[in-house]
Amino acid sequence: ADILSGYTLVASELVAQLDELPTHVIVNAGVGGFAASVCGYLWDALGEQRPVFITAEPDVADCVYRSGAAGAPTPCPGALDTLQGGLACGEVSPQAFDVLRNGADA
């Protein structure tokens, strides 16, 4: 929980430096912690003005996508062989999934 709270600092600093709010935000997914933190911050801080929130992940390590499609945490099978080593994640964080299933638009 402390790590997820720390990730919100990135989002708050980003919003503070913008001249205008973005229409879309694309964030790497991994196990979902960083994405959920940014998504949650934007949802809480901006409310109805929050941007469209999109997660991105390698197609061979798409546990967040699979979980969203299934409506529940769903592991990603296979070798998770991707050049994006930090995103070679086979299971979404249950805590992150609770935020992303309602907050992510794609």
PDB file of N, CA and C in Angstrom:
ATOM      1  N   ALA A   1       0.821  -1.197   0.000  1.00  0.00           N
ATOM      2  CA  ALA A   1       0.000   0.000   0.000  1.00  0.00           C
ATOM      3  C   ALA A   1       0.862   1.257   0.000  1.00  0.00           C
ATOM      4  N   ASP A   2       2.013   1.229   0.688  1.00  0.00           N
ATOM      5  CA  ASP A   2       2.883   2.398   0.712  1.00  0.00           C
ATOM      6  C   ASP A   2       3.455   2.694  -0.674  1.00  0.00           C
ATOM      7  N   ILE A   3       3.790   1.633  -1.400  1.00  0.00           N
ATOM      8  CA  ILE A   3       4.328   1.828  -2.749  1.00  0.00           C
ATOM      9  C   ILE A   3       3.262   2.445  -3.639  1.00  0.00           C
ATOM     10  N   LEU A   4       2.039   1.927  -3.565  1.00  0.00           N
ATOM     11  CA  LEU A   4       0.964   2.482  -4.384  1.00  0.00           C
ATOM     12  C   LEU A   4       0.714   3.938  -4.034  1.00  0.00           C
ATOM     13  N   SER A   5       0.765   4.278  -2.772  1.00  0.00           N
ATOM     14  CA  SER A   5       0.585   5.670  -2.364  1.00  0.00           C
ATOM     15  C   SER A   5       1.715   6.541  -2.912  1.00  0.00           C
ATOM     16  N   GLY A   6       2.917   6.002  -2.916  1.00  0.00           N
ATOM     17  CA  GLY A   6       4.046   6.751  -3.452  1.00  0.00           C
ATOM     18  C   GLY A   6       3.921   7.029  -4.934  1.00  0.00           C
ATOM     19  N   TYR A   7       3.354   6.090  -5.654  1.00  0.00           N
ATOM     20  CA  TYR A   7       3.162   6.278  -7.100  1.00  0.00           C
ATOM     21  C   TYR A   7       2.236   7.454  -7.401  1.00  0.00           C
ATOM     22  N   THR A   8       1.324   7.778  -6.491  1.00  0.00           N
ATOM     23  CA  THR A   8       0.420   8.894  -6.747  1.00  0.00           C
ATOM     24  C   THR A   8       1.173  10.222  -6.818  1.00  0.00           C
ATOM     25  N   LEU A   9       2.350  10.267  -6.218  1.00  0.00           N
ATOM     26  CA  LEU A   9       3.165  11.480  -6.282  1.00  0.00           C
ATOM     27  C   LEU A   9       3.520  11.820  -7.726  1.00  0.00           C
ATOM     28  N   VAL A  10       3.801  10.805  -8.522  1.00  0.00           N
ATOM     29  CA  VAL A  10       4.108  11.023  -9.944  1.00  0.00           C
ATOM     30  C   VAL A  10       2.931  11.718 -10.620  1.00  0.00           C
ATOM     31  N   ALA A  11       1.739  11.208 -10.384  1.00  0.00           N
ATOM     32  CA  ALA A  11       0.545  11.792 -11.001  1.00  0.00           C
ATOM     33  C   ALA A  11       0.296  13.213 -10.512  1.00  0.00           C
ATOM     34  N   SER A  12       0.470  13.449  -9.229  1.00  0.00           N
ATOM     35  CA  SER A  12       0.215  14.795  -8.700  1.00  0.00           C
ATOM     36  C   SER A  12       1.226  15.800  -9.253  1.00  0.00           C
ATOM     37  N   GLU A  13       2.489  15.392  -9.391  1.00  0.00           N
ATOM     38  CA  GLU A  13       3.495  16.286  -9.964  1.00  0.00           C
ATOM     39  C   GLU A  13       3.217  16.553 -11.438  1.00  0.00           C
ATOM     40  N   LEU A  14       2.762  15.540 -12.147  1.00  0.00           N
ATOM     41  CA  LEU A  14       2.430  15.714 -13.560  1.00  0.00           C
ATOM     42  C   LEU A  14       1.294  16.718 -13.725  1.00  0.00           C
ATOM     43  N   VAL A  15       0.225  16.525 -12.984  1.00  0.00           N
ATOM     44  CA  VAL A  15      -0.928  17.420 -13.089  1.00  0.00           C
ATOM     45  C   VAL A  15      -0.527  18.847 -12.713  1.00  0.00           C
ATOM     46  N   ALA A  16       0.305  18.998 -11.707  1.00  0.00           N
ATOM     47  CA  ALA A  16       0.728  20.333 -11.264  1.00  0.00           C
ATOM     48  C   ALA A  16       1.543  21.069 -12.326  1.00  0.00           C
ATOM     49  N   GLN A  17       2.217  20.336 -13.201  1.00  0.00           N
ATOM     50  CA  GLN A  17       3.074  20.954 -14.212  1.00  0.00           C
ATOM     51  C   GLN A  17       2.366  21.227 -15.541  1.00  0.00           C
ATOM     52  N   LEU A  18       1.152  20.757 -15.686  1.00  0.00           N
ATOM     53  CA  LEU A  18       0.433  20.930 -16.942  1.00  0.00           C
ATOM     54  C   LEU A  18      -0.264  22.283 -17.024  1.00  0.00           C
ATOM     55  N   ASP A  19      -0.247  22.877 -18.216  1.00  0.00           N
ATOM     56  CA  ASP A  19      -0.991  24.111 -18.438  1.00  0.00           C
ATOM     57  C   ASP A  19      -2.475  23.819 -18.640  1.00  0.00           C
ATOM     58  N   GLU A  20      -2.764  22.650 -19.206  1.00  0.00           N
ATOM     59  CA  GLU A  20      -4.150  22.218 -19.367  1.00  0.00           C
ATOM     60  C   GLU A  20      -4.217  20.710 -19.164  1.00  0.00           C
ATOM     61  N   LEU A  21      -5.376  20.235 -18.802  1.00  0.00           N
ATOM     62  CA  LEU A  21      -5.531  18.810 -18.519  1.00  0.00           C
ATOM     63  C   LEU A  21      -5.492  17.993 -19.810  1.00  0.00           C
ATOM     64  N   PRO A  22      -4.896  16.825 -19.755  1.00  0.00           N
ATOM     65  CA  PRO A  22      -4.867  15.971 -20.952  1.00  0.00           C
ATOM     66  C   PRO A  22      -6.238  15.353 -21.205  1.00  0.00           C
ATOM     67  N   THR A  23      -6.463  14.982 -22.455  1.00  0.00           N
ATOM     68  CA  THR A  23      -7.709  14.290 -22.787  1.00  0.00           C
ATOM     69  C   THR A  23      -7.554  12.783 -22.594  1.00  0.00           C
ATOM     70  N   HIS A  24      -6.314  12.286 -22.717  1.00  0.00           N
ATOM     71  CA  HIS A  24      -6.023  10.855 -22.597  1.00  0.00           C
ATOM     72  C   HIS A  24      -4.719  10.662 -21.824  1.00  0.00           C
ATOM     73  N   VAL A  25      -4.639   9.582 -21.074  1.00  0.00           N
ATOM     74  CA  VAL A  25      -3.411   9.189 -20.390  1.00  0.00           C
ATOM     75  C   VAL A  25      -3.194   7.708 -20.672  1.00  0.00           C
ATOM     76  N   ILE A  26      -1.982   7.359 -21.107  1.00  0.00           N
ATOM     77  CA  ILE A  26      -1.620   5.969 -21.370  1.00  0.00           C
ATOM     78  C   ILE A  26      -0.500   5.597 -20.414  1.00  0.00           C
ATOM     79  N   VAL A  27      -0.714   4.522 -19.645  1.00  0.00           N
ATOM     80  CA  VAL A  27       0.239   4.115 -18.611  1.00  0.00           C
ATOM     81  C   VAL A  27       0.552   2.636 -18.768  1.00  0.00           C
ATOM     82  N   ASN A  28       1.834   2.284 -18.573  1.00  0.00           N
ATOM     83  CA  ASN A  28       2.199   0.868 -18.614  1.00  0.00           C
ATOM     84  C   ASN A  28       1.503   0.125 -17.475  1.00  0.00           C
ATOM     85  N   ALA A  29       1.163  -1.148 -17.751  1.00  0.00           N
ATOM     86  CA  ALA A  29       0.355  -1.891 -16.782  1.00  0.00           C
ATOM     87  C   ALA A  29       1.177  -2.753 -15.830  1.00  0.00           C
ATOM     88  N   GLY A  30       2.043  -3.631 -16.316  1.00  0.00           N
ATOM     89  CA  GLY A  30       2.751  -4.549 -15.420  1.00  0.00           C
ATOM     90  C   GLY A  30       1.760  -5.354 -14.607  1.00  0.00           C
ATOM     91  N   VAL A  31       1.917  -5.354 -13.279  1.00  0.00           N
ATOM     92  CA  VAL A  31       0.937  -6.028 -12.418  1.00  0.00           C
ATOM     93  C   VAL A  31      -0.217  -5.093 -12.067  1.00  0.00           C
ATOM     94  N   GLY A  32      -0.123  -3.845 -12.490  1.00  0.00           N
ATOM     95  CA  GLY A  32      -1.207  -2.892 -12.322  1.00  0.00           C
ATOM     96  C   GLY A  32      -1.021  -1.852 -11.240  1.00  0.00           C
ATOM     97  N   GLY A  33       0.002  -1.984 -10.411  1.00  0.00           N
ATOM     98  CA  GLY A  33       0.174  -1.070  -9.287  1.00  0.00           C
ATOM     99  C   GLY A  33       0.364   0.377  -9.683  1.00  0.00           C
ATOM    100  N   PHE A  34       1.293   0.629 -10.583  1.00  0.00           N
ATOM    101  CA  PHE A  34       1.542   2.001 -11.029  1.00  0.00           C
ATOM    102  C   PHE A  34       0.313   2.548 -11.747  1.00  0.00           C
ATOM    103  N   ALA A  35      -0.250   1.743 -12.651  1.00  0.00           N
ATOM    104  CA  ALA A  35      -1.429   2.173 -13.399  1.00  0.00           C
ATOM    105  C   ALA A  35      -2.596   2.491 -12.464  1.00  0.00           C
ATOM    106  N   ALA A  36      -2.839   1.629 -11.495  1.00  0.00           N
ATOM    107  CA  ALA A  36      -3.939   1.850 -10.556  1.00  0.00           C
ATOM    108  C   ALA A  36      -3.720   3.109  -9.726  1.00  0.00           C
ATOM    109  N   SER A  37      -2.498   3.359  -9.340  1.00  0.00           N
ATOM    110  CA  SER A  37      -2.200   4.547  -8.542  1.00  0.00           C
ATOM    111  C   SER A  37      -2.446   5.817  -9.336  1.00  0.00           C
ATOM    112  N   VAL A  38      -1.977   5.847 -10.569  1.00  0.00           N
ATOM    113  CA  VAL A  38      -2.181   7.024 -11.418  1.00  0.00           C
ATOM    114  C   VAL A  38      -3.668   7.186 -11.722  1.00  0.00           C
ATOM    115  N   CYS A  39      -4.324   6.092 -12.069  1.00  0.00           N
ATOM    116  CA  CYS A  39      -5.755   6.117 -12.367  1.00  0.00           C
ATOM    117  C   CYS A  39      -6.549   6.625 -11.163  1.00  0.00           C
ATOM    118  N   GLY A  40      -6.273   6.073 -10.006  1.00  0.00           N
ATOM    119  CA  GLY A  40      -6.981   6.478  -8.791  1.00  0.00           C
ATOM    120  C   GLY A  40      -6.766   7.936  -8.450  1.00  0.00           C
ATOM    121  N   TYR A  41      -5.527   8.392  -8.604  1.00  0.00           N
ATOM    122  CA  TYR A  41      -5.241   9.804  -8.319  1.00  0.00           C
ATOM    123  C   TYR A  41      -6.035  10.707  -9.257  1.00  0.00           C
ATOM    124  N   LEU A  42      -5.977  10.408 -10.560  1.00  0.00           N
ATOM    125  CA  LEU A  42      -6.678  11.246 -11.531  1.00  0.00           C
ATOM    126  C   LEU A  42      -8.180  11.231 -11.294  1.00  0.00           C
ATOM    127  N   TRP A  43      -8.706  10.083 -10.944  1.00  0.00           N
ATOM    128  CA  TRP A  43     -10.134   9.954 -10.679  1.00  0.00           C
ATOM    129  C   TRP A  43     -10.515  10.808  -9.464  1.00  0.00           C
ATOM    130  N   ASP A  44      -9.716  10.693  -8.413  1.00  0.00           N
ATOM    131  CA  ASP A  44      -9.999  11.433  -7.184  1.00  0.00           C
ATOM    132  C   ASP A  44      -9.778  12.933  -7.357  1.00  0.00           C
ATOM    133  N   ALA A  45      -8.666  13.316  -7.971  1.00  0.00           N
ATOM    134  CA  ALA A  45      -8.307  14.735  -8.068  1.00  0.00           C
ATOM    135  C   ALA A  45      -9.109  15.492  -9.122  1.00  0.00           C
ATOM    136  N   LEU A  46      -9.453  14.812 -10.225  1.00  0.00           N
ATOM    137  CA  LEU A  46     -10.076  15.515 -11.341  1.00  0.00           C
ATOM    138  C   LEU A  46     -11.560  15.212 -11.524  1.00  0.00           C
ATOM    139  N   GLY A  47     -12.029  14.163 -10.894  1.00  0.00           N
ATOM    140  CA  GLY A  47     -13.454  13.835 -10.985  1.00  0.00           C
ATOM    141  C   GLY A  47     -13.930  13.715 -12.420  1.00  0.00           C
ATOM    142  N   GLU A  48     -14.969  14.448 -12.751  1.00  0.00           N
ATOM    143  CA  GLU A  48     -15.562  14.391 -14.094  1.00  0.00           C
ATOM    144  C   GLU A  48     -14.626  14.915 -15.177  1.00  0.00           C
ATOM    145  N   GLN A  49     -13.587  15.649 -14.802  1.00  0.00           N
ATOM    146  CA  GLN A  49     -12.633  16.185 -15.771  1.00  0.00           C
ATOM    147  C   GLN A  49     -11.479  15.232 -16.046  1.00  0.00           C
ATOM    148  N   ARG A  50     -11.514  14.046 -15.427  1.00  0.00           N
ATOM    149  CA  ARG A  50     -10.389  13.133 -15.606  1.00  0.00           C
ATOM    150  C   ARG A  50     -10.300  12.693 -17.061  1.00  0.00           C
ATOM    151  N   PRO A  51      -9.082  12.436 -17.529  1.00  0.00           N
ATOM    152  CA  PRO A  51      -8.902  12.022 -18.922  1.00  0.00           C
ATOM    153  C   PRO A  51      -9.294  10.558 -19.142  1.00  0.00           C
ATOM    154  N   VAL A  52      -9.420  10.194 -20.391  1.00  0.00           N
ATOM    155  CA  VAL A  52      -9.586   8.785 -20.750  1.00  0.00           C
ATOM    156  C   VAL A  52      -8.326   8.072 -20.288  1.00  0.00           C
ATOM    157  N   PHE A  53      -8.481   6.965 -19.588  1.00  0.00           N
ATOM    158  CA  PHE A  53      -7.343   6.268 -18.994  1.00  0.00           C
ATOM    159  C   PHE A  53      -7.133   4.933 -19.692  1.00  0.00           C
ATOM    160  N   ILE A  54      -5.937   4.752 -20.260  1.00  0.00           N
ATOM    161  CA  ILE A  54      -5.619   3.567 -21.051  1.00  0.00           C
ATOM    162  C   ILE A  54      -4.380   2.894 -20.478  1.00  0.00           C
ATOM    163  N   THR A  55      -4.454   1.575 -20.289  1.00  0.00           N
ATOM    164  CA  THR A  55      -3.271   0.813 -19.872  1.00  0.00           C
ATOM    165  C   THR A  55      -2.652   0.153 -21.097  1.00  0.00           C
ATOM    166  N   ALA A  56      -1.340   0.005 -21.077  1.00  0.00           N
ATOM    167  CA  ALA A  56      -0.613  -0.638 -22.171  1.00  0.00           C
ATOM    168  C   ALA A  56       0.302  -1.707 -21.592  1.00  0.00           C
ATOM    169  N   GLU A  57       0.385  -2.827 -22.288  1.00  0.00           N
ATOM    170  CA  GLU A  57       1.245  -3.921 -21.839  1.00  0.00           C
ATOM    171  C   GLU A  57       1.620  -4.786 -23.032  1.00  0.00           C
ATOM    172  N   PRO A  58       2.710  -5.548 -22.912  1.00  0.00           N
ATOM    173  CA  PRO A  58       3.112  -6.432 -24.011  1.00  0.00           C
ATOM    174  C   PRO A  58       2.027  -7.478 -24.280  1.00  0.00           C
ATOM    175  N   ASP A  59       1.854  -7.854 -25.543  1.00  0.00           N
ATOM    176  CA  ASP A  59       0.804  -8.823 -25.855  1.00  0.00           C
ATOM    177  C   ASP A  59       1.091 -10.215 -25.308  1.00  0.00           C
ATOM    178  N   VAL A  60       2.337 -10.497 -24.943  1.00  0.00           N
ATOM    179  CA  VAL A  60       2.661 -11.811 -24.356  1.00  0.00           C
ATOM    180  C   VAL A  60       2.610 -11.791 -22.826  1.00  0.00           C
ATOM    181  N   ALA A  61       2.337 -10.618 -22.266  1.00  0.00           N
ATOM    182  CA  ALA A  61       2.247 -10.470 -20.807  1.00  0.00           C
ATOM    183  C   ALA A  61       1.108  -9.504 -20.502  1.00  0.00           C
ATOM    184  N   ASP A  62      -0.091  -9.899 -20.903  1.00  0.00           N
ATOM    185  CA  ASP A  62      -1.247  -9.006 -20.835  1.00  0.00           C
ATOM    186  C   ASP A  62      -2.236  -9.387 -19.737  1.00  0.00           C
ATOM    187  N   CYS A  63      -1.729  -9.566 -18.527  1.00  0.00           N
ATOM    188  CA  CYS A  63      -2.584 -10.008 -17.422  1.00  0.00           C
ATOM    189  C   CYS A  63      -3.643  -8.980 -17.048  1.00  0.00           C
ATOM    190  N   VAL A  64      -3.359  -7.691 -17.198  1.00  0.00           N
ATOM    191  CA  VAL A  64      -4.361  -6.673 -16.873  1.00  0.00           C
ATOM    192  C   VAL A  64      -5.487  -6.721 -17.902  1.00  0.00           C
ATOM    193  N   TYR A  65      -5.121  -6.824 -19.176  1.00  0.00           N
ATOM    194  CA  TYR A  65      -6.141  -6.925 -20.225  1.00  0.00           C
ATOM    195  C   TYR A  65      -7.003  -8.172 -20.032  1.00  0.00           C
ATOM    196  N   ARG A  66      -6.353  -9.313 -19.832  1.00  0.00           N
ATOM    197  CA  ARG A  66      -7.090 -10.573 -19.656  1.00  0.00           C
ATOM    198  C   ARG A  66      -8.025 -10.494 -18.449  1.00  0.00           C
ATOM    199  N   SER A  67      -7.549  -9.889 -17.389  1.00  0.00           N
ATOM    200  CA  SER A  67      -8.360  -9.776 -16.180  1.00  0.00           C
ATOM    201  C   SER A  67      -9.565  -8.871 -16.413  1.00  0.00           C
ATOM    202  N   GLY A  68      -9.338  -7.770 -17.115  1.00  0.00           N
ATOM    203  CA  GLY A  68     -10.457  -6.879 -17.434  1.00  0.00           C
ATOM    204  C   GLY A  68     -11.496  -7.554 -18.304  1.00  0.00           C
ATOM    205  N   ALA A  69     -11.025  -8.299 -19.298  1.00  0.00           N
ATOM    206  CA  ALA A  69     -11.945  -9.003 -20.193  1.00  0.00           C
ATOM    207  C   ALA A  69     -12.730 -10.078 -19.457  1.00  0.00           C
ATOM    208  N   ALA A  70     -12.084 -10.744 -18.499  1.00  0.00           N
ATOM    209  CA  ALA A  70     -12.733 -11.823 -17.750  1.00  0.00           C
ATOM    210  C   ALA A  70     -13.572 -11.305 -16.583  1.00  0.00           C
ATOM    211  N   GLY A  71     -13.313 -10.066 -16.156  1.00  0.00           N
ATOM    212  CA  GLY A  71     -14.034  -9.510 -15.018  1.00  0.00           C
ATOM    213  C   GLY A  71     -13.497  -9.951 -13.672  1.00  0.00           C
ATOM    214  N   ALA A  72     -12.351 -10.613 -13.681  1.00  0.00           N
ATOM    215  CA  ALA A  72     -11.720 -11.101 -12.445  1.00  0.00           C
ATOM    216  C   ALA A  72     -10.242 -11.326 -12.729  1.00  0.00           C
ATOM    217  N   PRO A  73      -9.387 -11.246 -11.700  1.00  0.00           N
ATOM    218  CA  PRO A  73      -7.960 -11.505 -11.934  1.00  0.00           C
ATOM    219  C   PRO A  73      -7.746 -12.828 -12.663  1.00  0.00           C
ATOM    220  N   THR A  74      -7.042 -12.743 -13.784  1.00  0.00           N
ATOM    221  CA  THR A  74      -6.822 -13.900 -14.650  1.00  0.00           C
ATOM    222  C   THR A  74      -5.347 -13.958 -15.021  1.00  0.00           C
ATOM    223  N   PRO A  75      -4.660 -15.037 -14.713  1.00  0.00           N
ATOM    224  CA  PRO A  75      -3.234 -15.123 -15.040  1.00  0.00           C
ATOM    225  C   PRO A  75      -2.987 -15.195 -16.540  1.00  0.00           C
ATOM    226  N   CYS A  76      -1.813 -14.784 -16.911  1.00  0.00           N
ATOM    227  CA  CYS A  76      -1.369 -14.834 -18.300  1.00  0.00           C
ATOM    228  C   CYS A  76      -0.459 -16.045 -18.460  1.00  0.00           C
ATOM    229  N   PRO A  77      -0.833 -16.994 -19.298  1.00  0.00           N
ATOM    230  CA  PRO A  77      -0.011 -18.198 -19.464  1.00  0.00           C
ATOM    231  C   PRO A  77       1.199 -17.937 -20.351  1.00  0.00           C
ATOM    232  N   GLY A  78       2.133 -18.847 -20.334  1.00  0.00           N
ATOM    233  CA  GLY A  78       3.261 -18.757 -21.251  1.00  0.00           C
ATOM    234  C   GLY A  78       4.524 -18.226 -20.615  1.00  0.00           C
ATOM    235  N   ALA A  79       5.501 -17.999 -21.478  1.00  0.00           N
ATOM    236  CA  ALA A  79       6.842 -17.631 -21.035  1.00  0.00           C
ATOM    237  C   ALA A  79       6.984 -16.152 -20.672  1.00  0.00           C
ATOM    238  N   LEU A  80       6.044 -15.312 -21.048  1.00  0.00           N
ATOM    239  CA  LEU A  80       6.107 -13.874 -20.788  1.00  0.00           C
ATOM    240  C   LEU A  80       7.382 -13.265 -21.374  1.00  0.00           C
ATOM    241  N   ASP A  81       7.787 -13.746 -22.521  1.00  0.00           N
ATOM    242  CA  ASP A  81       9.032 -13.344 -23.167  1.00  0.00           C
ATOM    243  C   ASP A  81       8.848 -12.011 -23.885  1.00  0.00           C
ATOM    244  N   THR A  82       9.312 -10.939 -23.257  1.00  0.00           N
ATOM    245  CA  THR A  82       9.173  -9.605 -23.822  1.00  0.00           C
ATOM    246  C   THR A  82      10.447  -8.797 -23.578  1.00  0.00           C
ATOM    247  N   LEU A  83      10.731  -7.869 -24.478  1.00  0.00           N
ATOM    248  CA  LEU A  83      11.873  -6.972 -24.291  1.00  0.00           C
ATOM    249  C   LEU A  83      11.627  -6.012 -23.131  1.00  0.00           C
ATOM    250  N   GLN A  84      10.385  -5.835 -22.769  1.00  0.00           N
ATOM    251  CA  GLN A  84      10.020  -4.942 -21.675  1.00  0.00           C
ATOM    252  C   GLN A  84      10.048  -5.729 -20.377  1.00  0.00           C
ATOM    253  N   GLY A  85      11.260  -6.055 -19.905  1.00  0.00           N
ATOM    254  CA  GLY A  85      11.447  -6.937 -18.751  1.00  0.00           C
ATOM    255  C   GLY A  85      10.618  -6.582 -17.540  1.00  0.00           C
ATOM    256  N   GLY A  86      10.491  -5.319 -17.225  1.00  0.00           N
ATOM    257  CA  GLY A  86       9.714  -4.901 -16.070  1.00  0.00           C
ATOM    258  C   GLY A  86       8.221  -5.107 -16.248  1.00  0.00           C
ATOM    259  N   LEU A  87       7.807  -5.382 -17.481  1.00  0.00           N
ATOM    260  CA  LEU A  87       6.392  -5.609 -17.748  1.00  0.00           C
ATOM    261  C   LEU A  87       6.085  -7.076 -18.025  1.00  0.00           C
ATOM    262  N   ALA A  88       7.050  -7.960 -17.801  1.00  0.00           N
ATOM    263  CA  ALA A  88       6.841  -9.402 -17.997  1.00  0.00           C
ATOM    264  C   ALA A  88       6.126  -9.958 -16.770  1.00  0.00           C
ATOM    265  N   CYS A  89       4.859  -9.618 -16.658  1.00  0.00           N
ATOM    266  CA  CYS A  89       4.077  -9.946 -15.465  1.00  0.00           C
ATOM    267  C   CYS A  89       2.932 -10.882 -15.827  1.00  0.00           C
ATOM    268  N   GLY A  90       2.790 -11.942 -15.071  1.00  0.00           N
ATOM    269  CA  GLY A  90       1.785 -12.942 -15.373  1.00  0.00           C
ATOM    270  C   GLY A  90       0.503 -12.824 -14.580  1.00  0.00           C
ATOM    271  N   GLU A  91       0.515 -12.051 -13.487  1.00  0.00           N
ATOM    272  CA  GLU A  91      -0.690 -11.935 -12.664  1.00  0.00           C
ATOM    273  C   GLU A  91      -0.892 -10.496 -12.205  1.00  0.00           C
ATOM    274  N   VAL A  92      -2.104 -10.017 -12.338  1.00  0.00           N
ATOM    275  CA  VAL A  92      -2.451  -8.674 -11.896  1.00  0.00           C
ATOM    276  C   VAL A  92      -2.556  -8.650 -10.371  1.00  0.00           C
ATOM    277  N   SER A  93      -2.168  -7.558  -9.776  1.00  0.00           N
ATOM    278  CA  SER A  93      -2.352  -7.356  -8.340  1.00  0.00           C
ATOM    279  C   SER A  93      -3.853  -7.240  -8.058  1.00  0.00           C
ATOM    280  N   PRO A  94      -4.375  -8.022  -7.114  1.00  0.00           N
ATOM    281  CA  PRO A  94      -5.806  -7.906  -6.800  1.00  0.00           C
ATOM    282  C   PRO A  94      -6.209  -6.494  -6.367  1.00  0.00           C
ATOM    283  N   GLN A  95      -5.340  -5.841  -5.613  1.00  0.00           N
ATOM    284  CA  GLN A  95      -5.621  -4.471  -5.169  1.00  0.00           C
ATOM    285  C   GLN A  95      -5.683  -3.525  -6.373  1.00  0.00           C
ATOM    286  N   ALA A  96      -4.750  -3.680  -7.295  1.00  0.00           N
ATOM    287  CA  ALA A  96      -4.745  -2.839  -8.490  1.00  0.00           C
ATOM    288  C   ALA A  96      -5.956  -3.131  -9.366  1.00  0.00           C
ATOM    289  N   PHE A  97      -6.309  -4.407  -9.482  1.00  0.00           N
ATOM    290  CA  PHE A  97      -7.448  -4.764 -10.319  1.00  0.00           C
ATOM    291  C   PHE A  97      -8.736  -4.122  -9.818  1.00  0.00           C
ATOM    292  N   ASP A  98      -8.897  -4.010  -8.508  1.00  0.00           N
ATOM    293  CA  ASP A  98     -10.095  -3.373  -7.962  1.00  0.00           C
ATOM    294  C   ASP A  98     -10.238  -1.935  -8.451  1.00  0.00           C
ATOM    295  N   VAL A  99      -9.130  -1.243  -8.624  1.00  0.00           N
ATOM    296  CA  VAL A  99      -9.169   0.138  -9.116  1.00  0.00           C
ATOM    297  C   VAL A  99      -9.349   0.156 -10.637  1.00  0.00           C
ATOM    298  N   LEU A 100      -8.556  -0.648 -11.340  1.00  0.00           N
ATOM    299  CA  LEU A 100      -8.555  -0.583 -12.802  1.00  0.00           C
ATOM    300  C   LEU A 100      -9.833  -1.097 -13.441  1.00  0.00           C
ATOM    301  N   ARG A 101     -10.489  -2.065 -12.825  1.00  0.00           N
ATOM    302  CA  ARG A 101     -11.715  -2.584 -13.465  1.00  0.00           C
ATOM    303  C   ARG A 101     -12.804  -1.529 -13.544  1.00  0.00           C
ATOM    304  N   ASN A 102     -12.761  -0.545 -12.658  1.00  0.00           N
ATOM    305  CA  ASN A 102     -13.740   0.543 -12.696  1.00  0.00           C
ATOM    306  C   ASN A 102     -13.173   1.835 -13.265  1.00  0.00           C
ATOM    307  N   GLY A 103     -11.861   2.006 -13.185  1.00  0.00           N
ATOM    308  CA  GLY A 103     -11.284   3.295 -13.563  1.00  0.00           C
ATOM    309  C   GLY A 103     -10.637   3.356 -14.925  1.00  0.00           C
ATOM    310  N   ALA A 104     -10.168   2.223 -15.442  1.00  0.00           N
ATOM    311  CA  ALA A 104      -9.515   2.234 -16.753  1.00  0.00           C
ATOM    312  C   ALA A 104     -10.560   2.158 -17.849  1.00  0.00           C
ATOM    313  N   ASP A 105     -10.343   2.932 -18.888  1.00  0.00           N
ATOM    314  CA  ASP A 105     -11.268   2.934 -20.024  1.00  0.00           C
ATOM    315  C   ASP A 105     -10.863   1.890 -21.066  1.00  0.00           C
ATOM    316  N   ALA A 106      -9.604   1.539 -21.076  1.00  0.00           N
ATOM    317  CA  ALA A 106      -9.111   0.523 -22.031  1.00  0.00           C
ATOM    318  C   ALA A 106      -7.810  -0.052 -21.515  1.00  0.00           C
TER     319      ALA A 106
END
